[in-house]
Amino acid sequence: MTDFPVVELRRYTLHPGRRDELIELFEREFVESQEACGMRLFGLFREPAEPDKFVWLRGFRDMEARRAALEAFYGGPVWGAHGPAANETMIDASDVLLLRPSGPGFPAPGGGGGDSRVLATVCHPAVPVKEFSEYFADTVAPKLRASGVDTFGHFETEPAENTFPRLPVREDETVFVWFSKIADEHREALARLGAELADRLERPWHQLELSPTARSVLR
């Protein structure tokens, strides 16, 4: 999975009641077809607290490979046949962060059952992102491990120009994003950490608690 270091974190707002419709279509038509074009799908998720949100992650070998892969897929027969039905379920598909590794990437597939949870935390550092990343790796991640929270997938904004402008990304902002498994016993430690990090962030962090779909690799 480290062969695909350019990562999109995509969060869609859907029409009410249509999330399962999109997931069924996505898992049936858009997994193998995207990977055949040179992408890697890391995770597909429901957001339990937001019934009309669908979150997913896909990776690319580099920015030029991203351009070629997206041109091939969105100009190809599968999207031509099924893209309109997918788009009909969506209100907005522009909440997209383009990321690159800033430490550990995603682990090898495995682990977790159908009721597992993945926590994605989006931080807007008040200091240079490299400085924040080093602080997180040296200070924050060890504290989390001591509390039973193992982090994986540390990422920062990919600053390169969007090579496929047909699909917008959130530009003019710099983020640090980290992933972990989440359980009820971890919430107190995470709340304490959020308070500790407040003076290093431009704004409170944004956490997405995610439930993997049946075909999600990350669990």
Protein backbone atom coordinates (compact mmCIF):
# COMPACT_ATOMS: atom_id res chain seq x y z
CA MET A 1 0.00 0.00 0.00
CA THR A 2 3.02 2.30 0.33
CA ASP A 3 3.37 2.22 -3.47
CA PHE A 4 0.44 4.69 -3.71
CA PRO A 5 1.59 7.66 -1.59
CA VAL A 6 -0.64 10.36 -3.10
CA VAL A 7 -3.95 9.97 -1.30
CA GLU A 8 -7.37 11.56 -1.66
CA LEU A 9 -9.61 11.73 1.41
CA ARG A 10 -13.06 12.19 -0.15
CA ARG A 11 -16.19 13.05 1.86
CA TYR A 12 -19.46 13.27 -0.05
CA THR A 13 -22.77 14.79 1.00
CA LEU A 14 -25.63 12.69 -0.36
CA HIS A 15 -29.32 13.14 -0.82
CA PRO A 16 -31.18 11.88 2.28
CA GLY A 17 -31.60 8.13 2.41
CA ARG A 18 -29.41 7.31 -0.60
CA ARG A 19 -26.11 6.32 1.01
CA ASP A 20 -26.66 2.57 0.87
CA GLU A 21 -27.72 2.92 -2.77
CA LEU A 22 -24.43 4.60 -3.62
CA ILE A 23 -22.37 2.10 -1.62
CA GLU A 24 -24.02 -0.86 -3.36
CA LEU A 25 -23.34 0.69 -6.76
CA PHE A 26 -19.81 1.72 -5.80
CA GLU A 27 -18.79 -1.69 -4.49
CA ARG A 28 -20.29 -3.47 -7.48
CA GLU A 29 -18.95 -1.23 -10.28
CA PHE A 30 -16.21 1.14 -9.11
CA VAL A 31 -13.62 -0.85 -7.14
CA GLU A 32 -11.99 -3.12 -9.72
CA SER A 33 -12.63 -0.64 -12.52
CA GLN A 34 -10.71 2.16 -10.77
CA GLU A 35 -7.87 -0.13 -9.73
CA ALA A 36 -7.58 -1.35 -13.32
CA CYS A 37 -6.83 2.28 -14.27
CA GLY A 38 -3.90 2.46 -11.84
CA MET A 39 -5.47 3.58 -8.56
CA ARG A 40 -5.62 1.85 -5.19
CA LEU A 41 -8.78 2.02 -3.09
CA PHE A 42 -7.82 2.01 0.59
CA GLY A 43 -11.11 2.50 2.37
CA LEU A 44 -14.86 2.93 1.91
CA PHE A 45 -16.83 4.16 4.91
CA ARG A 46 -20.16 5.13 6.32
CA GLU A 47 -20.10 7.95 8.84
CA PRO A 48 -22.54 6.76 11.53
CA ALA A 49 -23.06 10.20 13.07
CA GLU A 50 -23.83 11.67 9.63
CA PRO A 51 -26.29 9.41 7.78
CA ASP A 52 -25.94 11.31 4.51
CA LYS A 53 -22.11 11.23 4.34
CA PHE A 54 -19.96 8.76 2.41
CA VAL A 55 -16.18 8.83 2.93
CA TRP A 56 -13.55 7.03 0.89
CA LEU A 57 -9.81 6.97 0.26
CA ARG A 58 -7.92 6.26 -2.92
CA GLY A 59 -4.22 6.39 -3.72
CA PHE A 60 -1.96 7.08 -6.69
CA ARG A 61 1.71 6.46 -7.42
CA ASP A 62 2.39 10.17 -8.05
CA MET A 63 0.62 13.27 -9.36
CA GLU A 64 1.19 12.49 -13.03
CA ALA A 65 -0.07 8.94 -12.48
CA ARG A 66 -3.11 10.47 -10.78
CA ARG A 67 -3.88 12.55 -13.86
CA ALA A 68 -3.55 9.57 -16.18
CA ALA A 69 -5.60 7.26 -13.95
CA LEU A 70 -8.44 9.73 -13.50
CA GLU A 71 -8.57 10.55 -17.19
CA ALA A 72 -8.74 6.84 -17.99
CA PHE A 73 -11.48 6.09 -15.48
CA TYR A 74 -13.74 9.13 -15.89
CA GLY A 75 -13.35 8.94 -19.66
CA GLY A 76 -13.96 5.20 -19.71
CA PRO A 77 -16.96 2.92 -20.21
CA VAL A 78 -17.70 2.03 -16.58
CA TRP A 79 -18.09 5.61 -15.44
CA GLY A 80 -19.92 6.40 -18.66
CA ALA A 81 -22.45 3.67 -17.88
CA HIS A 82 -22.82 4.11 -14.13
CA GLY A 83 -21.53 7.59 -13.32
CA PRO A 84 -24.88 9.34 -13.89
CA ALA A 85 -26.60 7.03 -11.37
CA ALA A 86 -23.83 7.70 -8.83
CA ASN A 87 -24.04 11.46 -9.35
CA GLU A 88 -27.80 11.38 -8.82
CA THR A 89 -27.22 10.29 -5.20
CA MET A 90 -24.89 13.23 -4.45
CA ILE A 91 -25.45 16.81 -3.34
CA ASP A 92 -21.75 17.68 -3.09
CA ALA A 93 -18.52 15.81 -3.92
CA SER A 94 -16.01 18.66 -3.54
CA ASP A 95 -14.92 18.05 0.08
CA VAL A 96 -11.62 16.44 -0.89
CA LEU A 97 -8.19 16.62 0.75
CA LEU A 98 -5.18 15.77 -1.41
CA LEU A 99 -2.51 14.29 0.85
CA ARG A 100 0.98 12.78 0.93
CA PRO A 101 2.67 10.72 3.69
CA SER A 102 4.11 12.65 6.62
CA GLY A 103 5.30 9.60 8.52
CA PRO A 104 3.80 6.10 8.60
CA GLY A 105 1.59 5.27 5.65
CA PHE A 106 -1.33 2.88 5.67
CA PRO A 107 -0.62 -0.62 6.99
CA ALA A 108 -1.03 -3.85 5.10
CA PRO A 109 -4.64 -5.02 4.87
CA GLY A 110 -6.11 -7.07 7.67
CA GLY A 111 -7.67 -7.02 11.10
CA GLY A 112 -10.95 -5.69 12.35
CA GLY A 113 -14.42 -7.06 12.08
CA GLY A 114 -17.53 -5.66 10.51
CA ASP A 115 -18.23 -3.46 13.55
CA SER A 116 -14.75 -1.93 13.63
CA ARG A 117 -14.27 1.85 13.58
CA VAL A 118 -11.61 4.01 11.98
CA LEU A 119 -11.01 7.54 13.26
CA ALA A 120 -9.70 10.16 10.83
CA THR A 121 -8.50 13.35 12.54
CA VAL A 122 -7.94 16.47 10.44
CA CYS A 123 -5.70 19.12 12.03
CA HIS A 124 -4.89 22.63 10.77
CA PRO A 125 -1.48 23.32 12.34
CA ALA A 126 -0.66 26.82 13.57
CA VAL A 127 3.02 26.01 12.93
CA PRO A 128 4.70 24.67 9.76
CA VAL A 129 3.24 21.25 8.96
CA LYS A 130 6.65 19.54 9.03
CA GLU A 131 7.22 20.86 12.55
CA PHE A 132 3.79 19.71 13.63
CA SER A 133 4.33 16.28 12.04
CA GLU A 134 7.58 15.80 13.94
CA TYR A 135 5.93 16.89 17.19
CA PHE A 136 3.08 14.47 16.58
CA ALA A 137 5.43 11.55 15.88
CA ASP A 138 7.75 12.29 18.81
CA THR A 139 5.27 13.38 21.48
CA VAL A 140 1.63 12.80 20.59
CA ALA A 141 1.75 9.31 19.06
CA PRO A 142 3.63 7.85 22.07
CA LYS A 143 1.02 9.33 24.44
CA LEU A 144 -1.74 7.79 22.37
CA ARG A 145 -0.02 4.40 22.34
CA ALA A 146 0.30 4.55 26.12
CA SER A 147 -3.47 5.08 26.25
CA GLY A 148 -4.10 2.12 23.95
CA VAL A 149 -4.62 4.13 20.74
CA ASP A 150 -2.37 3.03 17.88
CA THR A 151 -2.12 5.56 15.08
CA PHE A 152 -1.46 4.73 11.46
CA GLY A 153 -1.45 6.73 8.29
CA HIS A 154 0.12 10.14 9.06
CA PHE A 155 -0.44 12.52 6.14
CA GLU A 156 -0.05 16.18 5.23
CA THR A 157 -1.35 18.32 2.38
CA GLU A 158 0.07 17.49 -1.03
CA PRO A 159 0.99 21.00 -2.27
CA ALA A 160 1.29 20.13 -5.96
CA GLU A 161 -1.19 21.63 -8.40
CA ASN A 162 -4.33 19.58 -8.92
CA THR A 163 -3.55 17.59 -12.07
CA PHE A 164 -7.22 16.77 -12.72
CA PRO A 165 -9.16 20.01 -12.16
CA ARG A 166 -12.41 18.39 -13.25
CA LEU A 167 -12.43 17.03 -9.68
CA PRO A 168 -11.83 19.90 -7.23
CA VAL A 169 -9.85 19.57 -4.02
CA ARG A 170 -9.66 21.81 -0.95
CA GLU A 171 -6.91 24.22 -1.89
CA ASP A 172 -5.36 27.12 0.04
CA GLU A 173 -5.24 25.18 3.30
CA THR A 174 -2.59 22.99 4.91
CA VAL A 175 -3.60 20.04 7.05
CA PHE A 176 -2.11 17.14 8.97
CA VAL A 177 -4.32 14.05 9.00
CA TRP A 178 -3.87 10.95 11.12
CA PHE A 179 -5.81 7.72 11.37
CA SER A 180 -6.39 5.32 14.24
CA LYS A 181 -8.74 2.62 15.39
CA ILE A 182 -11.33 3.89 17.87
CA ALA A 183 -13.17 2.29 20.78
CA ASP A 184 -15.24 3.75 23.61
CA GLU A 185 -12.38 3.43 26.09
CA HIS A 186 -10.22 5.71 23.94
CA ARG A 187 -12.51 8.74 23.98
CA GLU A 188 -11.29 10.26 27.24
CA ALA A 189 -7.64 10.11 26.14
CA LEU A 190 -8.52 11.69 22.80
CA ALA A 191 -10.44 14.50 24.50
CA ARG A 192 -7.45 15.27 26.72
CA LEU A 193 -5.18 15.29 23.71
CA GLY A 194 -7.46 17.67 21.83
CA ALA A 195 -7.19 20.15 24.71
CA GLU A 196 -3.39 19.77 24.84
CA LEU A 197 -3.02 20.45 21.12
CA ALA A 198 -5.31 23.49 21.03
CA ASP A 199 -2.50 26.06 21.08
CA ARG A 200 -0.74 24.32 18.17
CA LEU A 201 -3.80 24.40 15.92
CA GLU A 202 -5.47 27.21 14.00
CA ARG A 203 -8.88 25.74 14.85
CA PRO A 204 -10.22 22.70 16.73
CA TRP A 205 -9.47 19.46 14.98
CA HIS A 206 -12.17 17.72 12.94
CA GLN A 207 -12.68 14.04 13.67
CA LEU A 208 -14.51 11.63 11.39
CA GLU A 209 -15.57 8.40 13.06
CA LEU A 210 -15.93 5.93 10.21
CA SER A 211 -17.51 2.51 9.82
CA PRO A 212 -15.91 0.39 7.07
CA THR A 213 -18.18 -1.01 4.38
CA ALA A 214 -17.97 -4.66 3.38
CA ARG A 215 -15.24 -4.05 0.78
CA SER A 216 -13.12 -1.54 2.68
CA VAL A 217 -9.45 -2.58 2.95
CA LEU A 218 -8.84 -0.38 5.98
CA ARG A 219 -10.82 -1.61 8.96
